[in-house]
C-alpha cells in the first residue's frame, strides 16, 4: 500500500496555489494511490501532471477541500543536469 507523508507549507501563507485548501501529501507511488482512490469512487481533478520534480495529481476530500498528491522525481546520476 502506498505511504503518505505530510509536506509542510510549500507556498507563501497568502498564496492561492492550493485554493480552496492548503493540503499536500508526498506519496511513494502516485499511480497506485490514484487506482485505490478511483476504486473508492474518488477521481483525480484534471488527471495527472508530470514535471521535472515529479508527478502531481489533485483530488477533493469529502469536505470539499482540494488535496495535492506529489510523487517526487527520483534523482540519480542518469537524470541530474550538468
N, C-alpha and C. Protein backbone atom coordinates (compact mmCIF):
# COMPACT_ATOMS: atom_id res chain seq x y z
N UNK A 1 0.85 -1.17 0.00
CA UNK A 1 0.00 0.00 0.00
C UNK A 1 0.90 1.24 0.00
N UNK A 2 0.61 2.23 -0.84
CA UNK A 2 1.42 3.46 -0.85
C UNK A 2 1.36 4.16 0.50
N UNK A 3 2.45 4.80 0.85
CA UNK A 3 2.50 5.55 2.10
C UNK A 3 2.38 7.03 1.81
N UNK A 4 1.91 7.78 2.77
CA UNK A 4 1.74 9.23 2.65
C UNK A 4 2.63 9.93 3.65
N UNK A 5 3.19 11.05 3.26
CA UNK A 5 3.98 11.89 4.16
C UNK A 5 3.46 13.31 4.03
N UNK A 6 3.05 13.91 5.12
CA UNK A 6 2.55 15.28 5.09
C UNK A 6 3.72 16.22 4.79
N UNK A 7 3.50 17.10 3.82
CA UNK A 7 4.51 18.09 3.46
C UNK A 7 4.08 19.43 4.02
N UNK A 8 4.98 20.09 4.72
CA UNK A 8 4.66 21.40 5.30
C UNK A 8 4.42 22.41 4.18
N UNK A 9 4.10 23.61 4.56
CA UNK A 9 3.74 24.67 3.62
C UNK A 9 4.73 24.75 2.46
N UNK A 10 4.21 24.63 1.24
CA UNK A 10 5.02 24.69 0.03
C UNK A 10 4.96 26.05 -0.65
N UNK A 11 4.07 26.91 -0.20
CA UNK A 11 3.90 28.22 -0.83
C UNK A 11 3.76 29.26 0.28
N UNK A 12 3.84 30.51 -0.10
CA UNK A 12 3.69 31.60 0.86
C UNK A 12 2.32 31.52 1.53
N UNK A 13 2.24 32.03 2.74
CA UNK A 13 1.00 31.97 3.51
C UNK A 13 -0.18 32.61 2.79
N UNK A 14 0.07 33.63 1.96
CA UNK A 14 -1.03 34.31 1.26
C UNK A 14 -1.24 33.78 -0.16
N UNK A 15 -0.58 32.67 -0.53
CA UNK A 15 -0.70 32.09 -1.86
C UNK A 15 -2.07 31.43 -2.04
N UNK A 16 -2.57 31.43 -3.26
CA UNK A 16 -3.82 30.71 -3.58
C UNK A 16 -3.51 29.44 -4.38
N UNK A 17 -2.26 29.00 -4.35
CA UNK A 17 -1.82 27.84 -5.12
C UNK A 17 -2.69 26.62 -4.87
N UNK A 18 -3.06 26.36 -3.62
CA UNK A 18 -3.83 25.17 -3.28
C UNK A 18 -5.33 25.44 -3.12
N UNK A 19 -5.78 26.64 -3.49
CA UNK A 19 -7.18 27.00 -3.29
C UNK A 19 -8.08 25.90 -3.82
N UNK A 20 -9.08 25.47 -3.10
CA UNK A 20 -9.64 26.06 -1.88
C UNK A 20 -9.05 25.51 -0.59
N UNK A 21 -7.88 24.87 -0.62
CA UNK A 21 -7.29 24.36 0.61
C UNK A 21 -5.77 24.48 0.53
N UNK A 22 -5.09 23.98 1.55
CA UNK A 22 -3.63 24.03 1.57
C UNK A 22 -3.03 22.68 1.90
N UNK A 23 -3.70 21.59 1.58
CA UNK A 23 -3.21 20.26 1.92
C UNK A 23 -2.38 19.68 0.78
N UNK A 24 -1.24 19.12 1.12
CA UNK A 24 -0.39 18.45 0.13
C UNK A 24 0.23 17.22 0.79
N UNK A 25 0.28 16.13 0.03
CA UNK A 25 0.85 14.89 0.54
C UNK A 25 1.89 14.38 -0.44
N UNK A 26 3.04 13.97 0.08
CA UNK A 26 4.07 13.32 -0.70
C UNK A 26 3.76 11.83 -0.68
N UNK A 27 3.73 11.19 -1.85
CA UNK A 27 3.38 9.77 -1.94
C UNK A 27 4.50 9.00 -2.64
N UNK A 28 4.59 7.72 -2.35
CA UNK A 28 5.62 6.87 -2.94
C UNK A 28 5.26 6.41 -4.35
N UNK A 29 3.98 6.14 -4.59
CA UNK A 29 3.53 5.59 -5.88
C UNK A 29 2.20 6.24 -6.23
N UNK A 30 2.26 7.33 -6.99
CA UNK A 30 1.06 8.09 -7.31
C UNK A 30 0.06 7.26 -8.10
N UNK A 31 0.53 6.50 -9.09
CA UNK A 31 -0.39 5.70 -9.90
C UNK A 31 -1.15 4.68 -9.06
N UNK A 32 -0.46 4.01 -8.15
CA UNK A 32 -1.13 3.02 -7.29
C UNK A 32 -2.14 3.68 -6.37
N UNK A 33 -1.77 4.84 -5.81
CA UNK A 33 -2.69 5.55 -4.92
C UNK A 33 -3.93 6.03 -5.69
N UNK A 34 -3.72 6.57 -6.89
CA UNK A 34 -4.86 7.02 -7.69
C UNK A 34 -5.77 5.85 -8.06
N UNK A 35 -5.20 4.68 -8.31
CA UNK A 35 -6.02 3.49 -8.61
C UNK A 35 -6.86 3.11 -7.39
N UNK A 36 -6.27 3.18 -6.20
CA UNK A 36 -7.03 2.88 -4.98
C UNK A 36 -8.14 3.91 -4.77
N UNK A 37 -7.83 5.16 -5.00
CA UNK A 37 -8.83 6.21 -4.83
C UNK A 37 -9.96 6.04 -5.84
N UNK A 38 -9.59 5.73 -7.10
CA UNK A 38 -10.61 5.54 -8.13
C UNK A 38 -11.52 4.36 -7.78
N UNK A 39 -10.94 3.29 -7.24
CA UNK A 39 -11.75 2.14 -6.82
C UNK A 39 -12.73 2.52 -5.72
N UNK A 40 -12.39 3.56 -4.95
CA UNK A 40 -13.27 4.04 -3.88
C UNK A 40 -14.22 5.14 -4.38
N UNK A 41 -14.19 5.42 -5.69
CA UNK A 41 -15.10 6.42 -6.25
C UNK A 41 -14.56 7.84 -6.23
N UNK A 42 -13.25 8.00 -6.02
CA UNK A 42 -12.65 9.34 -5.96
C UNK A 42 -11.79 9.53 -7.19
N UNK A 43 -12.12 10.52 -8.00
CA UNK A 43 -11.40 10.79 -9.25
C UNK A 43 -10.43 11.94 -9.07
N UNK A 44 -9.31 11.88 -9.79
CA UNK A 44 -8.36 12.99 -9.81
C UNK A 44 -8.98 14.15 -10.58
N UNK A 45 -8.66 15.36 -10.17
CA UNK A 45 -9.12 16.57 -10.86
C UNK A 45 -8.15 16.82 -12.00
N UNK A 46 -8.63 16.85 -13.23
CA UNK A 46 -7.79 17.14 -14.41
C UNK A 46 -6.64 16.15 -14.60
N UNK A 47 -6.77 14.93 -14.16
CA UNK A 47 -5.74 13.92 -14.39
C UNK A 47 -4.45 14.20 -13.64
N UNK A 48 -3.35 13.66 -14.15
CA UNK A 48 -2.06 13.86 -13.51
C UNK A 48 -1.19 14.75 -14.39
N UNK A 49 -0.19 15.35 -13.76
CA UNK A 49 0.77 16.18 -14.47
C UNK A 49 2.17 15.72 -14.09
N UNK A 50 3.07 15.70 -15.07
CA UNK A 50 4.46 15.36 -14.83
C UNK A 50 5.32 16.58 -15.06
N UNK A 51 6.23 16.83 -14.15
CA UNK A 51 7.15 17.95 -14.23
C UNK A 51 8.55 17.45 -13.89
N UNK A 52 9.54 18.31 -14.00
CA UNK A 52 10.92 17.92 -13.74
C UNK A 52 11.16 17.47 -12.30
N UNK A 53 10.29 17.86 -11.38
CA UNK A 53 10.48 17.45 -9.98
C UNK A 53 9.47 16.41 -9.52
N UNK A 54 8.75 15.79 -10.46
CA UNK A 54 7.87 14.70 -10.08
C UNK A 54 6.52 14.72 -10.77
N UNK A 55 5.63 13.85 -10.27
CA UNK A 55 4.26 13.75 -10.79
C UNK A 55 3.30 14.31 -9.75
N UNK A 56 2.24 14.95 -10.24
CA UNK A 56 1.26 15.58 -9.37
C UNK A 56 -0.15 15.19 -9.78
N UNK A 57 -1.04 15.13 -8.80
CA UNK A 57 -2.47 14.96 -9.04
C UNK A 57 -3.21 15.66 -7.90
N UNK A 58 -4.46 15.99 -8.15
CA UNK A 58 -5.27 16.67 -7.15
C UNK A 58 -6.60 15.94 -7.04
N UNK A 59 -7.10 15.84 -5.82
CA UNK A 59 -8.41 15.25 -5.54
C UNK A 59 -9.14 16.17 -4.56
N UNK A 60 -10.43 15.97 -4.44
CA UNK A 60 -11.23 16.71 -3.46
C UNK A 60 -11.56 15.75 -2.32
N UNK A 61 -11.37 16.21 -1.08
CA UNK A 61 -11.73 15.37 0.05
C UNK A 61 -13.23 15.49 0.30
N UNK A 62 -13.79 14.67 1.20
CA UNK A 62 -15.24 14.69 1.44
C UNK A 62 -15.78 16.04 1.89
N UNK A 63 -14.92 16.91 2.44
CA UNK A 63 -15.38 18.23 2.89
C UNK A 63 -15.22 19.30 1.81
N UNK A 64 -14.83 18.91 0.60
CA UNK A 64 -14.69 19.86 -0.49
C UNK A 64 -13.36 20.58 -0.55
N UNK A 65 -12.35 20.06 0.15
CA UNK A 65 -11.02 20.65 0.13
C UNK A 65 -10.17 19.99 -0.95
N UNK A 66 -9.46 20.79 -1.71
CA UNK A 66 -8.56 20.26 -2.73
C UNK A 66 -7.29 19.77 -2.04
N UNK A 67 -6.85 18.56 -2.42
CA UNK A 67 -5.67 17.94 -1.83
C UNK A 67 -4.70 17.63 -2.96
N UNK A 68 -3.45 18.09 -2.81
CA UNK A 68 -2.42 17.79 -3.81
C UNK A 68 -1.67 16.54 -3.40
N UNK A 69 -1.43 15.67 -4.38
CA UNK A 69 -0.65 14.46 -4.20
C UNK A 69 0.60 14.60 -5.06
N UNK A 70 1.77 14.34 -4.49
CA UNK A 70 3.03 14.54 -5.19
C UNK A 70 3.94 13.34 -5.03
N UNK A 71 4.34 12.77 -6.16
CA UNK A 71 5.37 11.72 -6.16
C UNK A 71 6.65 12.37 -6.70
N UNK A 72 7.64 12.60 -5.83
CA UNK A 72 8.84 13.30 -6.28
C UNK A 72 9.66 12.48 -7.29
N UNK A 73 10.39 13.22 -8.12
CA UNK A 73 11.31 12.59 -9.07
C UNK A 73 12.43 11.92 -8.27
N UNK A 74 12.80 10.71 -8.67
CA UNK A 74 13.94 10.04 -8.07
C UNK A 74 15.17 10.51 -8.83
N UNK A 75 16.04 11.24 -8.14
CA UNK A 75 17.22 11.79 -8.79
C UNK A 75 18.39 10.84 -8.64
N UNK A 76 19.03 10.59 -9.77
CA UNK A 76 20.24 9.77 -9.78
C UNK A 76 21.18 10.34 -10.84
N UNK A 77 22.33 9.72 -11.03
CA UNK A 77 23.31 10.24 -11.99
C UNK A 77 22.76 10.29 -13.41
N UNK A 78 21.77 9.45 -13.73
CA UNK A 78 21.22 9.41 -15.08
C UNK A 78 20.32 10.58 -15.43
N UNK A 79 19.76 11.28 -14.45
CA UNK A 79 18.84 12.37 -14.78
C UNK A 79 19.23 13.70 -14.13
N UNK A 80 20.42 13.79 -13.55
CA UNK A 80 20.88 15.06 -12.99
C UNK A 80 21.46 15.90 -14.12
N UNK A 81 21.16 17.20 -14.07
CA UNK A 81 21.71 18.11 -15.07
C UNK A 81 23.16 18.43 -14.74
N UNK A 82 23.98 18.54 -15.77
CA UNK A 82 25.36 19.00 -15.62
C UNK A 82 26.21 18.03 -14.96
